[in-house]
Amino acid sequence: LSRPGTDVVVRGLVTEGWVQVVEPDGSSVG
């Protein structure tokens, strides 16, 4: 899928509860 399309789908799945956001662990720079 296109990146913009995937982004829309993922956001919808987060809202519906199928997908969770993984918070960064602080190990990466930036």
Full PDB file with SEQRES, HELIX, SHEET, SSBOND, CRYST1, ORIGX, SCALE, CONECT and MASTER records, all heavy atoms in Angstrom:
SEQRES   1 A   30  LEU SER ARG PRO GLY THR ASP VAL VAL VAL ARG GLY LEU          
SEQRES   2 A   30  VAL THR GLU GLY TRP VAL GLN VAL VAL GLU PRO ASP GLY          
SEQRES   3 A   30  SER SER VAL GLY                                              
HELIX    1 AA1 ARG A    3  GLU A   16  1                                  14    
CRYST1    1.000    1.000    1.000  90.00  90.00  90.00 P 1           1          
ORIGX1      1.000000  0.000000  0.000000        0.00000                         
ORIGX2      0.000000  1.000000  0.000000        0.00000                         
ORIGX3      0.000000  0.000000  1.000000        0.00000                         
SCALE1      1.000000  0.000000  0.000000        0.00000                         
SCALE2      0.000000  1.000000  0.000000        0.00000                         
SCALE3      0.000000  0.000000  1.000000        0.00000                         
ATOM      1  N   LEU A   1       0.840  -1.192   0.000  1.00  0.00           N  
ATOM      2  CA  LEU A   1       0.000   0.000   0.000  1.00  0.00           C  
ATOM      3  C   LEU A   1       0.881   1.250   0.000  1.00  0.00           C  
ATOM      4  O   LEU A   1       2.060   1.192   0.345  1.00  0.00           O  
ATOM      5  CB  LEU A   1      -0.898   0.008   1.246  1.00  0.00           C  
ATOM      6  CG  LEU A   1      -1.830  -1.197   1.432  1.00  0.00           C  
ATOM      7  CD1 LEU A   1      -2.544  -1.098   2.780  1.00  0.00           C  
ATOM      8  CD2 LEU A   1      -2.833  -1.281   0.295  1.00  0.00           C  
ATOM      9  N   SER A   2       0.308   2.377  -0.359  1.00  0.00           N  
ATOM     10  CA  SER A   2       1.059   3.630  -0.293  1.00  0.00           C  
ATOM     11  C   SER A   2       1.292   4.000   1.163  1.00  0.00           C  
ATOM     12  O   SER A   2       0.534   3.589   2.058  1.00  0.00           O  
ATOM     13  CB  SER A   2       0.285   4.758  -0.989  1.00  0.00           C  
ATOM     14  OG  SER A   2      -0.885   5.091  -0.248  1.00  0.00           O  
ATOM     15  N   ARG A   3       2.338   4.783   1.390  1.00  0.00           N  
ATOM     16  CA  ARG A   3       2.608   5.164   2.774  1.00  0.00           C  
ATOM     17  C   ARG A   3       1.481   6.004   3.362  1.00  0.00           C  
ATOM     18  O   ARG A   3       1.048   5.752   4.499  1.00  0.00           O  
ATOM     19  CB  ARG A   3       3.938   5.913   2.879  1.00  0.00           C  
ATOM     20  CG  ARG A   3       4.378   6.079   4.324  1.00  0.00           C  
ATOM     21  CD  ARG A   3       5.521   7.047   4.522  1.00  0.00           C  
ATOM     22  NE  ARG A   3       5.908   7.128   5.921  1.00  0.00           N  
ATOM     23  CZ  ARG A   3       5.195   7.720   6.874  1.00  0.00           C  
ATOM     24  NH1 ARG A   3       4.046   8.321   6.571  1.00  0.00           N  
ATOM     25  NH2 ARG A   3       5.621   7.724   8.134  1.00  0.00           N  
ATOM     26  N   PRO A   4       0.975   7.028   2.638  1.00  0.00           N  
ATOM     27  CA  PRO A   4      -0.147   7.807   3.196  1.00  0.00           C  
ATOM     28  C   PRO A   4      -1.370   6.933   3.472  1.00  0.00           C  
ATOM     29  O   PRO A   4      -2.028   7.084   4.502  1.00  0.00           O  
ATOM     30  CB  PRO A   4      -0.422   8.851   2.115  1.00  0.00           C  
ATOM     31  CG  PRO A   4       0.862   8.977   1.364  1.00  0.00           C  
ATOM     32  CD  PRO A   4       1.456   7.608   1.361  1.00  0.00           C  
ATOM     33  N   GLY A   5      -1.650   6.002   2.551  1.00  0.00           N  
ATOM     34  CA  GLY A   5      -2.796   5.113   2.758  1.00  0.00           C  
ATOM     35  C   GLY A   5      -2.595   4.214   3.965  1.00  0.00           C  
ATOM     36  O   GLY A   5      -3.526   3.991   4.754  1.00  0.00           O  
ATOM     37  N   THR A   6      -1.375   3.702   4.121  1.00  0.00           N  
ATOM     38  CA  THR A   6      -1.068   2.848   5.267  1.00  0.00           C  
ATOM     39  C   THR A   6      -1.206   3.629   6.562  1.00  0.00           C  
ATOM     40  O   THR A   6      -1.725   3.115   7.570  1.00  0.00           O  
ATOM     41  CB  THR A   6       0.361   2.281   5.146  1.00  0.00           C  
ATOM     42  OG1 THR A   6       0.494   1.562   3.936  1.00  0.00           O  
ATOM     43  CG2 THR A   6       0.679   1.363   6.317  1.00  0.00           C  
ATOM     44  N   ASP A   7      -0.758   4.870   6.555  1.00  0.00           N  
ATOM     45  CA  ASP A   7      -0.845   5.708   7.749  1.00  0.00           C  
ATOM     46  C   ASP A   7      -2.301   5.895   8.170  1.00  0.00           C  
ATOM     47  O   ASP A   7      -2.631   5.789   9.366  1.00  0.00           O  
ATOM     48  CB  ASP A   7      -0.193   7.063   7.480  1.00  0.00           C  
ATOM     49  CG  ASP A   7      -0.103   7.914   8.742  1.00  0.00           C  
ATOM     50  OD1 ASP A   7       0.451   7.421   9.745  1.00  0.00           O  
ATOM     51  OD2 ASP A   7      -0.602   9.045   8.723  1.00  0.00           O  
ATOM     52  N   VAL A   8      -3.175   6.127   7.211  1.00  0.00           N  
ATOM     53  CA  VAL A   8      -4.605   6.298   7.518  1.00  0.00           C  
ATOM     54  C   VAL A   8      -5.181   5.009   8.106  1.00  0.00           C  
ATOM     55  O   VAL A   8      -5.910   5.024   9.101  1.00  0.00           O  
ATOM     56  CB  VAL A   8      -5.380   6.714   6.258  1.00  0.00           C  
ATOM     57  CG1 VAL A   8      -6.889   6.662   6.512  1.00  0.00           C  
ATOM     58  CG2 VAL A   8      -4.970   8.104   5.809  1.00  0.00           C  
ATOM     59  N   VAL A   9      -4.832   3.880   7.489  1.00  0.00           N  
ATOM     60  CA  VAL A   9      -5.340   2.593   7.967  1.00  0.00           C  
ATOM     61  C   VAL A   9      -4.857   2.305   9.383  1.00  0.00           C  
ATOM     62  O   VAL A   9      -5.635   1.894  10.251  1.00  0.00           O  
ATOM     63  CB  VAL A   9      -4.906   1.456   7.006  1.00  0.00           C  
ATOM     64  CG1 VAL A   9      -5.189   0.099   7.636  1.00  0.00           C  
ATOM     65  CG2 VAL A   9      -5.612   1.584   5.667  1.00  0.00           C  
ATOM     66  N   VAL A  10      -3.570   2.521   9.632  1.00  0.00           N  
ATOM     67  CA  VAL A  10      -3.006   2.221  10.950  1.00  0.00           C  
ATOM     68  C   VAL A  10      -3.656   3.082  12.019  1.00  0.00           C  
ATOM     69  O   VAL A  10      -4.001   2.604  13.109  1.00  0.00           O  
ATOM     70  CB  VAL A  10      -1.479   2.424  10.943  1.00  0.00           C  
ATOM     71  CG1 VAL A  10      -0.920   2.390  12.362  1.00  0.00           C  
ATOM     72  CG2 VAL A  10      -0.813   1.348  10.095  1.00  0.00           C  
ATOM     73  N   ARG A  11      -3.860   4.358  11.715  1.00  0.00           N  
ATOM     74  CA  ARG A  11      -4.496   5.241  12.699  1.00  0.00           C  
ATOM     75  C   ARG A  11      -5.909   4.747  13.021  1.00  0.00           C  
ATOM     76  O   ARG A  11      -6.352   4.798  14.180  1.00  0.00           O  
ATOM     77  CB  ARG A  11      -4.534   6.679  12.180  1.00  0.00           C  
ATOM     78  CG  ARG A  11      -3.160   7.340  12.132  1.00  0.00           C  
ATOM     79  CD  ARG A  11      -3.243   8.731  11.522  1.00  0.00           C  
ATOM     80  NE  ARG A  11      -1.932   9.326  11.373  1.00  0.00           N  
ATOM     81  CZ  ARG A  11      -1.299  10.010  12.315  1.00  0.00           C  
ATOM     82  NH1 ARG A  11      -1.889  10.193  13.489  1.00  0.00           N  
ATOM     83  NH2 ARG A  11      -0.110  10.523  12.100  1.00  0.00           N  
ATOM     84  N   GLY A  12      -6.614   4.296  11.994  1.00  0.00           N  
ATOM     85  CA  GLY A  12      -7.949   3.759  12.228  1.00  0.00           C  
ATOM     86  C   GLY A  12      -7.918   2.502  13.086  1.00  0.00           C  
ATOM     87  O   GLY A  12      -8.773   2.311  13.962  1.00  0.00           O  
ATOM     88  N   LEU A  13      -6.927   1.629  12.851  1.00  0.00           N  
ATOM     89  CA  LEU A  13      -6.808   0.398  13.628  1.00  0.00           C  
ATOM     90  C   LEU A  13      -6.448   0.691  15.084  1.00  0.00           C  
ATOM     91  O   LEU A  13      -6.871  -0.028  15.995  1.00  0.00           O  
ATOM     92  CB  LEU A  13      -5.755  -0.515  13.001  1.00  0.00           C  
ATOM     93  CG  LEU A  13      -6.131  -1.134  11.647  1.00  0.00           C  
ATOM     94  CD1 LEU A  13      -4.931  -1.851  11.033  1.00  0.00           C  
ATOM     95  CD2 LEU A  13      -7.300  -2.112  11.813  1.00  0.00           C  
ATOM     96  N   VAL A  14      -5.668   1.750  15.303  1.00  0.00           N  
ATOM     97  CA  VAL A  14      -5.361   2.157  16.673  1.00  0.00           C  
ATOM     98  C   VAL A  14      -6.637   2.594  17.382  1.00  0.00           C  
ATOM     99  O   VAL A  14      -6.912   2.210  18.531  1.00  0.00           O  
ATOM    100  CB  VAL A  14      -4.315   3.283  16.692  1.00  0.00           C  
ATOM    101  CG1 VAL A  14      -4.179   3.864  18.102  1.00  0.00           C  
ATOM    102  CG2 VAL A  14      -2.966   2.771  16.210  1.00  0.00           C  
ATOM    103  N   THR A  15      -7.452   3.383  16.704  1.00  0.00           N  
ATOM    104  CA  THR A  15      -8.708   3.863  17.281  1.00  0.00           C  
ATOM    105  C   THR A  15      -9.641   2.713  17.615  1.00  0.00           C  
ATOM    106  O   THR A  15     -10.305   2.712  18.663  1.00  0.00           O  
ATOM    107  CB  THR A  15      -9.398   4.830  16.306  1.00  0.00           C  
ATOM    108  OG1 THR A  15      -8.546   5.942  16.045  1.00  0.00           O  
ATOM    109  CG2 THR A  15     -10.722   5.321  16.881  1.00  0.00           C  
ATOM    110  N   GLU A  16      -9.681   1.710  16.738  1.00  0.00           N  
ATOM    111  CA  GLU A  16     -10.578   0.572  16.943  1.00  0.00           C  
ATOM    112  C   GLU A  16     -10.040  -0.428  17.950  1.00  0.00           C  
ATOM    113  O   GLU A  16     -10.758  -1.331  18.387  1.00  0.00           O  
ATOM    114  CB  GLU A  16     -10.812  -0.130  15.605  1.00  0.00           C  
ATOM    115  CG  GLU A  16     -11.588   0.721  14.604  1.00  0.00           C  
ATOM    116  CD  GLU A  16     -11.552   0.133  13.209  1.00  0.00           C  
ATOM    117  OE1 GLU A  16     -10.909  -0.936  13.029  1.00  0.00           O  
ATOM    118  OE2 GLU A  16     -12.167   0.708  12.313  1.00  0.00           O  
ATOM    119  N   GLY A  17      -8.771  -0.303  18.320  1.00  0.00           N  
ATOM    120  CA  GLY A  17      -8.211  -1.195  19.326  1.00  0.00           C  
ATOM    121  C   GLY A  17      -7.441  -2.378  18.795  1.00  0.00           C  
ATOM    122  O   GLY A  17      -6.935  -3.197  19.559  1.00  0.00           O  
ATOM    123  N   TRP A  18      -7.333  -2.495  17.470  1.00  0.00           N  
ATOM    124  CA  TRP A  18      -6.607  -3.625  16.880  1.00  0.00           C  
ATOM    125  C   TRP A  18      -5.089  -3.442  16.929  1.00  0.00           C  
ATOM    126  O   TRP A  18      -4.341  -4.427  16.896  1.00  0.00           O  
ATOM    127  CB  TRP A  18      -7.013  -3.799  15.411  1.00  0.00           C  
ATOM    128  CG  TRP A  18      -8.345  -4.426  15.229  1.00  0.00           C  
ATOM    129  CD1 TRP A  18      -9.529  -3.797  14.962  1.00  0.00           C  
ATOM    130  CD2 TRP A  18      -8.653  -5.816  15.297  1.00  0.00           C  
ATOM    131  NE1 TRP A  18     -10.545  -4.704  14.871  1.00  0.00           N  
ATOM    132  CE2 TRP A  18     -10.039  -5.951  15.061  1.00  0.00           C  
ATOM    133  CE3 TRP A  18      -7.903  -6.960  15.541  1.00  0.00           C  
ATOM    134  CZ2 TRP A  18     -10.688  -7.189  15.059  1.00  0.00           C  
ATOM    135  CZ3 TRP A  18      -8.534  -8.200  15.533  1.00  0.00           C  
ATOM    136  CH2 TRP A  18      -9.911  -8.297  15.298  1.00  0.00           C  
ATOM    137  N   VAL A  19      -4.645  -2.222  16.991  1.00  0.00           N  
ATOM    138  CA  VAL A  19      -3.210  -1.911  16.930  1.00  0.00           C  
ATOM    139  C   VAL A  19      -2.848  -1.001  18.094  1.00  0.00           C  
ATOM    140  O   VAL A  19      -3.645  -0.137  18.497  1.00  0.00           O  
ATOM    141  CB  VAL A  19      -2.853  -1.246  15.580  1.00  0.00           C  
ATOM    142  CG1 VAL A  19      -1.441  -0.691  15.588  1.00  0.00           C  
ATOM    143  CG2 VAL A  19      -3.025  -2.250  14.442  1.00  0.00           C  
ATOM    144  N   GLN A  20      -1.642  -1.180  18.628  1.00  0.00           N  
ATOM    145  CA  GLN A  20      -1.152  -0.355  19.734  1.00  0.00           C  
ATOM    146  C   GLN A  20       0.089   0.407  19.305  1.00  0.00           C  
ATOM    147  O   GLN A  20       0.897  -0.098  18.513  1.00  0.00           O  
ATOM    148  CB  GLN A  20      -0.815  -1.236  20.940  1.00  0.00           C  
ATOM    149  CG  GLN A  20      -2.017  -1.942  21.545  1.00  0.00           C  
ATOM    150  CD  GLN A  20      -1.613  -2.895  22.640  1.00  0.00           C  
ATOM    151  OE1 GLN A  20      -0.635  -3.621  22.505  1.00  0.00           O  
ATOM    152  NE2 GLN A  20      -2.372  -2.915  23.726  1.00  0.00           N  
ATOM    153  N   VAL A  21       0.240   1.603  19.845  1.00  0.00           N  
ATOM    154  CA  VAL A  21       1.445   2.404  19.620  1.00  0.00           C  
ATOM    155  C   VAL A  21       2.523   1.938  20.593  1.00  0.00           C  
ATOM    156  O   VAL A  21       2.261   1.757  21.787  1.00  0.00           O  
ATOM    157  CB  VAL A  21       1.165   3.901  19.830  1.00  0.00           C  
ATOM    158  CG1 VAL A  21       2.442   4.709  19.612  1.00  0.00           C  
ATOM    159  CG2 VAL A  21       0.060   4.376  18.897  1.00  0.00           C  
ATOM    160  N   VAL A  22       3.727   1.708  20.075  1.00  0.00           N  
ATOM    161  CA  VAL A  22       4.857   1.310  20.913  1.00  0.00           C  
ATOM    162  C   VAL A  22       5.678   2.548  21.210  1.00  0.00           C  
ATOM    163  O   VAL A  22       6.259   3.157  20.293  1.00  0.00           O  
ATOM    164  CB  VAL A  22       5.721   0.239  20.210  1.00  0.00           C  
ATOM    165  CG1 VAL A  22       6.918  -0.132  21.082  1.00  0.00           C  
ATOM    166  CG2 VAL A  22       4.888  -0.979  19.878  1.00  0.00           C  
ATOM    167  N   GLU A  23       5.712   2.936  22.457  1.00  0.00           N  
ATOM    168  CA  GLU A  23       6.442   4.134  22.830  1.00  0.00           C  
ATOM    169  C   GLU A  23       7.945   3.888  22.729  1.00  0.00           C  
ATOM    170  O   GLU A  23       8.426   2.792  23.059  1.00  0.00           O  
ATOM    171  CB  GLU A  23       6.090   4.556  24.259  1.00  0.00           C  
ATOM    172  CG  GLU A  23       4.618   4.902  24.456  1.00  0.00           C  
ATOM    173  CD  GLU A  23       4.191   6.080  23.597  1.00  0.00           C  
ATOM    174  OE1 GLU A  23       5.065   6.894  23.221  1.00  0.00           O  
ATOM    175  OE2 GLU A  23       2.985   6.177  23.304  1.00  0.00           O  
ATOM    176  N   PRO A  24       8.724   4.859  22.256  1.00  0.00           N  
ATOM    177  CA  PRO A  24      10.179   4.685  22.152  1.00  0.00           C  
ATOM    178  C   PRO A  24      10.790   4.465  23.526  1.00  0.00           C  
ATOM    179  O   PRO A  24      10.321   5.004  24.534  1.00  0.00           O  
ATOM    180  CB  PRO A  24      10.648   6.005  21.530  1.00  0.00           C  
ATOM    181  CG  PRO A  24       9.545   6.974  21.779  1.00  0.00           C  
ATOM    182  CD  PRO A  24       8.276   6.186  21.800  1.00  0.00           C  
ATOM    183  N   ASP A  25      11.856   3.655  23.560  1.00  0.00           N  
ATOM    184  CA  ASP A  25      12.503   3.334  24.836  1.00  0.00           C  
ATOM    185  C   ASP A  25      13.628   4.300  25.194  1.00  0.00           C  
ATOM    186  O   ASP A  25      14.300   4.145  26.216  1.00  0.00           O  
ATOM    187  CB  ASP A  25      13.050   1.908  24.813  1.00  0.00           C  
ATOM    188  CG  ASP A  25      14.052   1.686  23.678  1.00  0.00           C  
ATOM    189  OD1 ASP A  25      14.445   2.679  23.031  1.00  0.00           O  
ATOM    190  OD2 ASP A  25      14.421   0.524  23.435  1.00  0.00           O  
ATOM    191  N   GLY A  26      13.857   5.307  24.334  1.00  0.00           N  
ATOM    192  CA  GLY A  26      14.876   6.309  24.632  1.00  0.00           C  
ATOM    193  C   GLY A  26      16.278   5.913  24.253  1.00  0.00           C  
ATOM    194  O   GLY A  26      17.228   6.650  24.526  1.00  0.00           O  
ATOM    195  N   SER A  27      16.430   4.769  23.600  1.00  0.00           N  
ATOM    196  CA  SER A  27      17.777   4.300  23.259  1.00  0.00           C  
ATOM    197  C   SER A  27      18.304   4.925  21.970  1.00  0.00           C  
ATOM    198  O   SER A  27      19.504   4.870  21.704  1.00  0.00           O  
ATOM    199  CB  SER A  27      17.774   2.778  23.118  1.00  0.00           C  
ATOM    200  OG  SER A  27      16.874   2.377  22.085  1.00  0.00           O  
ATOM    201  N   SER A  28      17.414   5.508  21.153  1.00  0.00           N  
ATOM    202  CA  SER A  28      17.861   6.076  19.878  1.00  0.00           C  
ATOM    203  C   SER A  28      18.026   7.585  19.995  1.00  0.00           C  
ATOM    204  O   SER A  28      17.419   8.235  20.842  1.00  0.00           O  
ATOM    205  CB  SER A  28      16.853   5.743  18.772  1.00  0.00           C  
ATOM    206  OG  SER A  28      15.571   6.228  19.118  1.00  0.00           O  
ATOM    207  N   VAL A  29      18.871   8.127  19.118  1.00  0.00           N  
ATOM    208  CA  VAL A  29      19.144   9.569  19.106  1.00  0.00           C  
ATOM    209  C   VAL A  29      18.147  10.249  18.174  1.00  0.00           C  
ATOM    210  O   VAL A  29      17.806   9.729  17.113  1.00  0.00           O  
ATOM    211  CB  VAL A  29      20.583   9.850  18.632  1.00  0.00           C  
ATOM    212  CG1 VAL A  29      20.850  11.352  18.590  1.00  0.00           C  
ATOM    213  CG2 VAL A  29      21.583   9.148  19.556  1.00  0.00           C  
ATOM    214  N   GLY A  30      17.676  11.410  18.570  1.00  0.00           N  
ATOM    215  CA  GLY A  30      16.742  12.138  17.746  1.00  0.00           C  
ATOM    216  C   GLY A  30      15.323  11.647  17.950  1.00  0.00           C  
ATOM    217  O   GLY A  30      15.014  10.897  18.883  1.00  0.00           O  
TER     218      GLY A  30                                                      
MASTER        0    0    0    1    0    0    0    6  217    1    0    3          
END                                                                             
